[in-house]
Amino acid sequence: MRAAGQKAGARLATAQSRPTAEAGEAPRRHRPVAARRTSGTAVIAYVDASVLLRVALRQPDALPEWRQIDQGVASALVMTECLRTLDRLRLRAKFSDAAVATRRATILALIGSLELVEIDSVVLERAAQPMPTELGTRDAIHLATALLWKDLAHANLIMATHDTALALGAQAHGLLVVGV
């Protein structure tokens, strides 16, 4: 299993900047956050598509802790989830071409600020294992990705999601959850 874990770790794609709410926005200064365990500890959050979409779509119920995240981690799956959702909104005539272009640029900038973890056989094997709560396939992939990243990085990780099933699964694995 160690070799498999090293394989997954080798596939981490890193980004130096932390999440920002708008494309081209300057990084924000640190502020105290309840999720910090000790003074000076960075807030590292696994971020799912529900969080990114609410920020990009400027929804009023977007994650309040968003600006307090120092480092974001996500599955490469978020790219597909976010862009498919945006395309569905476009097809339902909810957004003009200009709005779609702006939201797409914001989504791409947000994703570009995250450390993306590729979906490889290690992630899929972990997602296929029994879980303590009921999860669909995408949520299981997100949770498996978060748990593998946490194990490989030896770092505290919080789960940022607006998805209640994913939040419950993350809590069952001992992760602090924000967003639900």
C-alpha atoms as a PDB file:
ATOM      1  CA  MET A   1       0.000   0.000   0.000  1.00  0.00           C
ATOM      2  CA  ARG A   2       2.952   2.309   0.647  1.00  0.00           C
ATOM      3  CA  ALA A   3       3.956   2.110  -3.017  1.00  0.00           C
ATOM      4  CA  ALA A   4       0.392   2.892  -4.019  1.00  0.00           C
ATOM      5  CA  GLY A   5       0.318   5.864  -1.658  1.00  0.00           C
ATOM      6  CA  GLN A   6       3.601   7.129  -3.065  1.00  0.00           C
ATOM      7  CA  LYS A   7       2.153   6.807  -6.556  1.00  0.00           C
ATOM      8  CA  ALA A   8      -0.832   8.951  -5.593  1.00  0.00           C
ATOM      9  CA  GLY A   9       1.464  11.451  -3.892  1.00  0.00           C
ATOM     10  CA  ALA A  10       3.596  11.747  -6.997  1.00  0.00           C
ATOM     11  CA  ARG A  11       0.521  12.759  -8.978  1.00  0.00           C
ATOM     12  CA  LEU A  12      -0.321  15.800  -6.874  1.00  0.00           C
ATOM     13  CA  ALA A  13      -0.282  18.954  -8.981  1.00  0.00           C
ATOM     14  CA  THR A  14       0.502  21.964  -6.826  1.00  0.00           C
ATOM     15  CA  ALA A  15      -0.356  25.634  -7.129  1.00  0.00           C
ATOM     16  CA  GLN A  16       1.429  28.331  -5.149  1.00  0.00           C
ATOM     17  CA  SER A  17      -1.484  30.728  -4.745  1.00  0.00           C
ATOM     18  CA  ARG A  18      -4.405  30.215  -2.439  1.00  0.00           C
ATOM     19  CA  PRO A  19      -8.068  30.451  -3.435  1.00  0.00           C
ATOM     20  CA  THR A  20      -9.407  33.826  -4.507  1.00  0.00           C
ATOM     21  CA  ALA A  21     -12.999  34.775  -5.109  1.00  0.00           C
ATOM     22  CA  GLU A  22     -12.514  36.554  -8.414  1.00  0.00           C
ATOM     23  CA  ALA A  23     -10.306  36.015 -11.432  1.00  0.00           C
ATOM     24  CA  GLY A  24      -7.218  38.186 -11.197  1.00  0.00           C
ATOM     25  CA  GLU A  25      -7.857  39.150  -7.584  1.00  0.00           C
ATOM     26  CA  ALA A  26      -4.813  39.666  -5.364  1.00  0.00           C
ATOM     27  CA  PRO A  27      -4.218  37.144  -2.546  1.00  0.00           C
ATOM     28  CA  ARG A  28      -5.932  38.061   0.705  1.00  0.00           C
ATOM     29  CA  ARG A  29      -4.231  38.672   4.042  1.00  0.00           C
ATOM     30  CA  HIS A  30      -4.478  36.093   6.820  1.00  0.00           C
ATOM     31  CA  ARG A  31      -7.328  36.490   9.267  1.00  0.00           C
ATOM     32  CA  PRO A  32      -8.155  34.436  12.359  1.00  0.00           C
ATOM     33  CA  VAL A  33     -10.402  31.478  11.624  1.00  0.00           C
ATOM     34  CA  ALA A  34     -12.184  29.074  13.938  1.00  0.00           C
ATOM     35  CA  ALA A  35     -10.835  26.123  11.948  1.00  0.00           C
ATOM     36  CA  ARG A  36      -7.242  26.896  12.955  1.00  0.00           C
ATOM     37  CA  ARG A  37      -6.033  24.455  15.579  1.00  0.00           C
ATOM     38  CA  THR A  38      -3.144  26.598  16.835  1.00  0.00           C
ATOM     39  CA  SER A  39      -1.926  30.115  16.218  1.00  0.00           C
ATOM     40  CA  GLY A  40       0.092  30.311  13.002  1.00  0.00           C
ATOM     41  CA  THR A  41      -1.265  27.057  11.560  1.00  0.00           C
ATOM     42  CA  ALA A  42      -2.452  27.438   7.978  1.00  0.00           C
ATOM     43  CA  VAL A  43      -6.031  26.494   7.174  1.00  0.00           C
ATOM     44  CA  ILE A  44      -5.923  23.766   4.536  1.00  0.00           C
ATOM     45  CA  ALA A  45      -9.282  22.781   3.098  1.00  0.00           C
ATOM     46  CA  TYR A  46     -10.422  20.121   0.695  1.00  0.00           C
ATOM     47  CA  VAL A  47     -12.857  22.018  -1.536  1.00  0.00           C
ATOM     48  CA  ASP A  48     -15.597  20.359  -3.559  1.00  0.00           C
ATOM     49  CA  ALA A  49     -17.465  21.734  -6.579  1.00  0.00           C
ATOM     50  CA  SER A  50     -20.415  22.983  -4.518  1.00  0.00           C
ATOM     51  CA  VAL A  51     -18.153  25.488  -2.755  1.00  0.00           C
ATOM     52  CA  LEU A  52     -16.470  26.653  -5.972  1.00  0.00           C
ATOM     53  CA  LEU A  53     -19.781  27.073  -7.784  1.00  0.00           C
ATOM     54  CA  ARG A  54     -21.379  29.152  -5.036  1.00  0.00           C
ATOM     55  CA  VAL A  55     -18.343  31.456  -4.999  1.00  0.00           C
ATOM     56  CA  ALA A  56     -18.150  31.710  -8.809  1.00  0.00           C
ATOM     57  CA  LEU A  57     -21.899  32.238  -9.189  1.00  0.00           C
ATOM     58  CA  ARG A  58     -21.826  34.867  -6.428  1.00  0.00           C
ATOM     59  CA  GLN A  59     -24.562  33.152  -4.473  1.00  0.00           C
ATOM     60  CA  PRO A  60     -25.488  34.761  -1.144  1.00  0.00           C
ATOM     61  CA  ASP A  61     -25.030  31.464   0.733  1.00  0.00           C
ATOM     62  CA  ALA A  62     -21.418  30.966  -0.413  1.00  0.00           C
ATOM     63  CA  LEU A  63     -18.993  29.538   2.139  1.00  0.00           C
ATOM     64  CA  PRO A  64     -18.410  32.209   4.835  1.00  0.00           C
ATOM     65  CA  GLU A  65     -14.969  30.731   5.616  1.00  0.00           C
ATOM     66  CA  TRP A  66     -13.829  31.013   1.969  1.00  0.00           C
ATOM     67  CA  ARG A  67     -11.513  33.976   2.532  1.00  0.00           C
ATOM     68  CA  GLN A  68      -9.910  32.267   5.524  1.00  0.00           C
ATOM     69  CA  ILE A  69      -8.635  29.246   3.591  1.00  0.00           C
ATOM     70  CA  ASP A  70      -4.880  29.486   3.117  1.00  0.00           C
ATOM     71  CA  GLN A  71      -4.508  26.428   0.879  1.00  0.00           C
ATOM     72  CA  GLY A  72      -7.152  24.611  -1.123  1.00  0.00           C
ATOM     73  CA  VAL A  73      -7.003  20.996  -2.276  1.00  0.00           C
ATOM     74  CA  ALA A  74      -9.452  19.348  -4.669  1.00  0.00           C
ATOM     75  CA  SER A  75      -9.939  16.379  -6.920  1.00  0.00           C
ATOM     76  CA  ALA A  76      -9.407  16.971 -10.628  1.00  0.00           C
ATOM     77  CA  LEU A  77     -13.088  16.001 -10.817  1.00  0.00           C
ATOM     78  CA  VAL A  78     -14.066  19.571  -9.815  1.00  0.00           C
ATOM     79  CA  MET A  79     -13.153  20.894 -13.267  1.00  0.00           C
ATOM     80  CA  THR A  80     -15.692  18.643 -14.967  1.00  0.00           C
ATOM     81  CA  GLU A  81     -18.348  19.178 -12.297  1.00  0.00           C
ATOM     82  CA  CYS A  82     -18.073  22.975 -12.357  1.00  0.00           C
ATOM     83  CA  LEU A  83     -17.929  23.402 -16.127  1.00  0.00           C
ATOM     84  CA  ARG A  84     -20.792  20.948 -16.747  1.00  0.00           C
ATOM     85  CA  THR A  85     -22.936  22.842 -14.224  1.00  0.00           C
ATOM     86  CA  LEU A  86     -22.121  26.146 -15.891  1.00  0.00           C
ATOM     87  CA  ASP A  87     -22.994  24.678 -19.300  1.00  0.00           C
ATOM     88  CA  ARG A  88     -26.332  23.380 -17.973  1.00  0.00           C
ATOM     89  CA  LEU A  89     -27.130  26.866 -16.663  1.00  0.00           C
ATOM     90  CA  ARG A  90     -26.236  28.335 -20.060  1.00  0.00           C
ATOM     91  CA  LEU A  91     -28.474  25.861 -21.877  1.00  0.00           C
ATOM     92  CA  ARG A  92     -31.362  26.650 -19.558  1.00  0.00           C
ATOM     93  CA  ALA A  93     -30.940  30.310 -20.625  1.00  0.00           C
ATOM     94  CA  LYS A  94     -30.136  31.417 -17.099  1.00  0.00           C
ATOM     95  CA  PHE A  95     -26.983  33.278 -18.186  1.00  0.00           C
ATOM     96  CA  SER A  96     -26.079  35.528 -21.089  1.00  0.00           C
ATOM     97  CA  ASP A  97     -22.922  34.831 -23.097  1.00  0.00           C
ATOM     98  CA  ALA A  98     -21.123  37.586 -21.182  1.00  0.00           C
ATOM     99  CA  ALA A  99     -22.189  36.123 -17.837  1.00  0.00           C
ATOM    100  CA  VAL A 100     -21.065  32.649 -18.897  1.00  0.00           C
ATOM    101  CA  ALA A 101     -17.675  33.989 -20.005  1.00  0.00           C
ATOM    102  CA  THR A 102     -17.193  35.823 -16.706  1.00  0.00           C
ATOM    103  CA  ARG A 103     -18.279  32.858 -14.559  1.00  0.00           C
ATOM    104  CA  ARG A 104     -16.144  30.445 -16.607  1.00  0.00           C
ATOM    105  CA  ALA A 105     -13.062  32.648 -16.140  1.00  0.00           C
ATOM    106  CA  THR A 106     -13.773  32.826 -12.412  1.00  0.00           C
ATOM    107  CA  ILE A 107     -14.176  29.046 -12.143  1.00  0.00           C
ATOM    108  CA  LEU A 108     -10.929  28.446 -14.041  1.00  0.00           C
ATOM    109  CA  ALA A 109      -9.080  30.952 -11.828  1.00  0.00           C
ATOM    110  CA  LEU A 110     -10.460  29.344  -8.676  1.00  0.00           C
ATOM    111  CA  ILE A 111      -9.490  25.870  -9.840  1.00  0.00           C
ATOM    112  CA  GLY A 112      -6.073  27.177 -10.894  1.00  0.00           C
ATOM    113  CA  SER A 113      -5.467  28.355  -7.330  1.00  0.00           C
ATOM    114  CA  LEU A 114      -6.044  24.872  -5.895  1.00  0.00           C
ATOM    115  CA  GLU A 115      -3.762  21.888  -5.488  1.00  0.00           C
ATOM    116  CA  LEU A 116      -5.443  19.368  -7.778  1.00  0.00           C
ATOM    117  CA  VAL A 117      -5.189  15.645  -7.109  1.00  0.00           C
ATOM    118  CA  GLU A 118      -5.527  13.412 -10.160  1.00  0.00           C
ATOM    119  CA  ILE A 119      -8.033  10.575 -10.080  1.00  0.00           C
ATOM    120  CA  ASP A 120      -5.837   7.499 -10.342  1.00  0.00           C
ATOM    121  CA  SER A 121      -6.258   3.824  -9.433  1.00  0.00           C
ATOM    122  CA  VAL A 122      -5.304   4.501  -5.787  1.00  0.00           C
ATOM    123  CA  VAL A 123      -8.093   7.071  -5.414  1.00  0.00           C
ATOM    124  CA  LEU A 124     -10.597   4.818  -7.181  1.00  0.00           C
ATOM    125  CA  GLU A 125      -9.645   1.819  -5.015  1.00  0.00           C
ATOM    126  CA  ARG A 126     -10.078   3.884  -1.835  1.00  0.00           C
ATOM    127  CA  ALA A 127     -13.431   5.239  -3.088  1.00  0.00           C
ATOM    128  CA  ALA A 128     -14.643   1.697  -3.825  1.00  0.00           C
ATOM    129  CA  GLN A 129     -14.016   0.518  -0.251  1.00  0.00           C
ATOM    130  CA  PRO A 130     -16.903   0.417   2.227  1.00  0.00           C
ATOM    131  CA  MET A 131     -17.617   3.773   3.873  1.00  0.00           C
ATOM    132  CA  PRO A 132     -19.270   4.410   7.254  1.00  0.00           C
ATOM    133  CA  THR A 133     -22.028   6.474   5.602  1.00  0.00           C
ATOM    134  CA  GLU A 134     -23.976   6.268   2.357  1.00  0.00           C
ATOM    135  CA  LEU A 135     -22.151   8.090  -0.468  1.00  0.00           C
ATOM    136  CA  GLY A 136     -22.648   8.265  -4.205  1.00  0.00           C
ATOM    137  CA  THR A 137     -19.744   7.695  -6.571  1.00  0.00           C
ATOM    138  CA  ARG A 138     -18.635  11.331  -6.946  1.00  0.00           C
ATOM    139  CA  ASP A 139     -18.827  11.986  -3.207  1.00  0.00           C
ATOM    140  CA  ALA A 140     -16.860   8.789  -2.524  1.00  0.00           C
ATOM    141  CA  ILE A 141     -14.174   9.965  -4.974  1.00  0.00           C
ATOM    142  CA  HIS A 142     -14.027  13.366  -3.254  1.00  0.00           C
ATOM    143  CA  LEU A 143     -13.799  11.822   0.219  1.00  0.00           C
ATOM    144  CA  ALA A 144     -11.198   9.251  -0.849  1.00  0.00           C
ATOM    145  CA  THR A 145      -9.126  12.020  -2.442  1.00  0.00           C
ATOM    146  CA  ALA A 146      -9.291  14.135   0.716  1.00  0.00           C
ATOM    147  CA  LEU A 147      -8.349  11.244   2.993  1.00  0.00           C
ATOM    148  CA  LEU A 148      -5.439  10.138   0.787  1.00  0.00           C
ATOM    149  CA  TRP A 149      -4.132  13.708   0.532  1.00  0.00           C
ATOM    150  CA  LYS A 150      -4.362  14.115   4.324  1.00  0.00           C
ATOM    151  CA  ASP A 151      -2.494  10.838   4.899  1.00  0.00           C
ATOM    152  CA  LEU A 152       0.242  11.670   2.376  1.00  0.00           C
ATOM    153  CA  ALA A 153       0.690  15.287   3.459  1.00  0.00           C
ATOM    154  CA  HIS A 154       0.553  14.527   7.202  1.00  0.00           C
ATOM    155  CA  ALA A 155      -1.417  17.753   7.577  1.00  0.00           C
ATOM    156  CA  ASN A 156      -4.648  18.860   9.199  1.00  0.00           C
ATOM    157  CA  LEU A 157      -7.375  19.114   6.601  1.00  0.00           C
ATOM    158  CA  ILE A 158     -10.898  20.461   6.836  1.00  0.00           C
ATOM    159  CA  MET A 159     -13.666  19.534   4.402  1.00  0.00           C
ATOM    160  CA  ALA A 160     -15.360  22.506   2.737  1.00  0.00           C
ATOM    161  CA  THR A 161     -18.630  21.413   1.157  1.00  0.00           C
ATOM    162  CA  HIS A 162     -22.298  22.329   0.915  1.00  0.00           C
ATOM    163  CA  ASP A 163     -23.174  18.675   0.225  1.00  0.00           C
ATOM    164  CA  THR A 164     -24.754  17.087   3.305  1.00  0.00           C
ATOM    165  CA  ALA A 165     -23.896  13.478   2.365  1.00  0.00           C
ATOM    166  CA  LEU A 166     -20.230  14.327   1.745  1.00  0.00           C
ATOM    167  CA  ALA A 167     -20.134  16.353   4.969  1.00  0.00           C
ATOM    168  CA  LEU A 168     -21.513  13.433   6.979  1.00  0.00           C
ATOM    169  CA  GLY A 169     -19.006  11.035   5.409  1.00  0.00           C
ATOM    170  CA  ALA A 170     -16.132  13.411   6.155  1.00  0.00           C
ATOM    171  CA  GLN A 171     -17.289  13.818   9.765  1.00  0.00           C
ATOM    172  CA  ALA A 172     -17.466  10.031  10.134  1.00  0.00           C
ATOM    173  CA  HIS A 173     -13.784   9.943   9.149  1.00  0.00           C
ATOM    174  CA  GLY A 174     -12.897  12.589  11.728  1.00  0.00           C
ATOM    175  CA  LEU A 175     -12.596  15.613   9.448  1.00  0.00           C
ATOM    176  CA  LEU A 176     -13.777  19.038  10.578  1.00  0.00           C
ATOM    177  CA  VAL A 177     -16.455  20.199   8.113  1.00  0.00           C
ATOM    178  CA  VAL A 178     -17.457  23.729   7.107  1.00  0.00           C
ATOM    179  CA  GLY A 179     -20.227  24.770   4.747  1.00  0.00           C
ATOM    180  CA  VAL A 180     -23.237  22.730   5.869  1.00  0.00           C
END
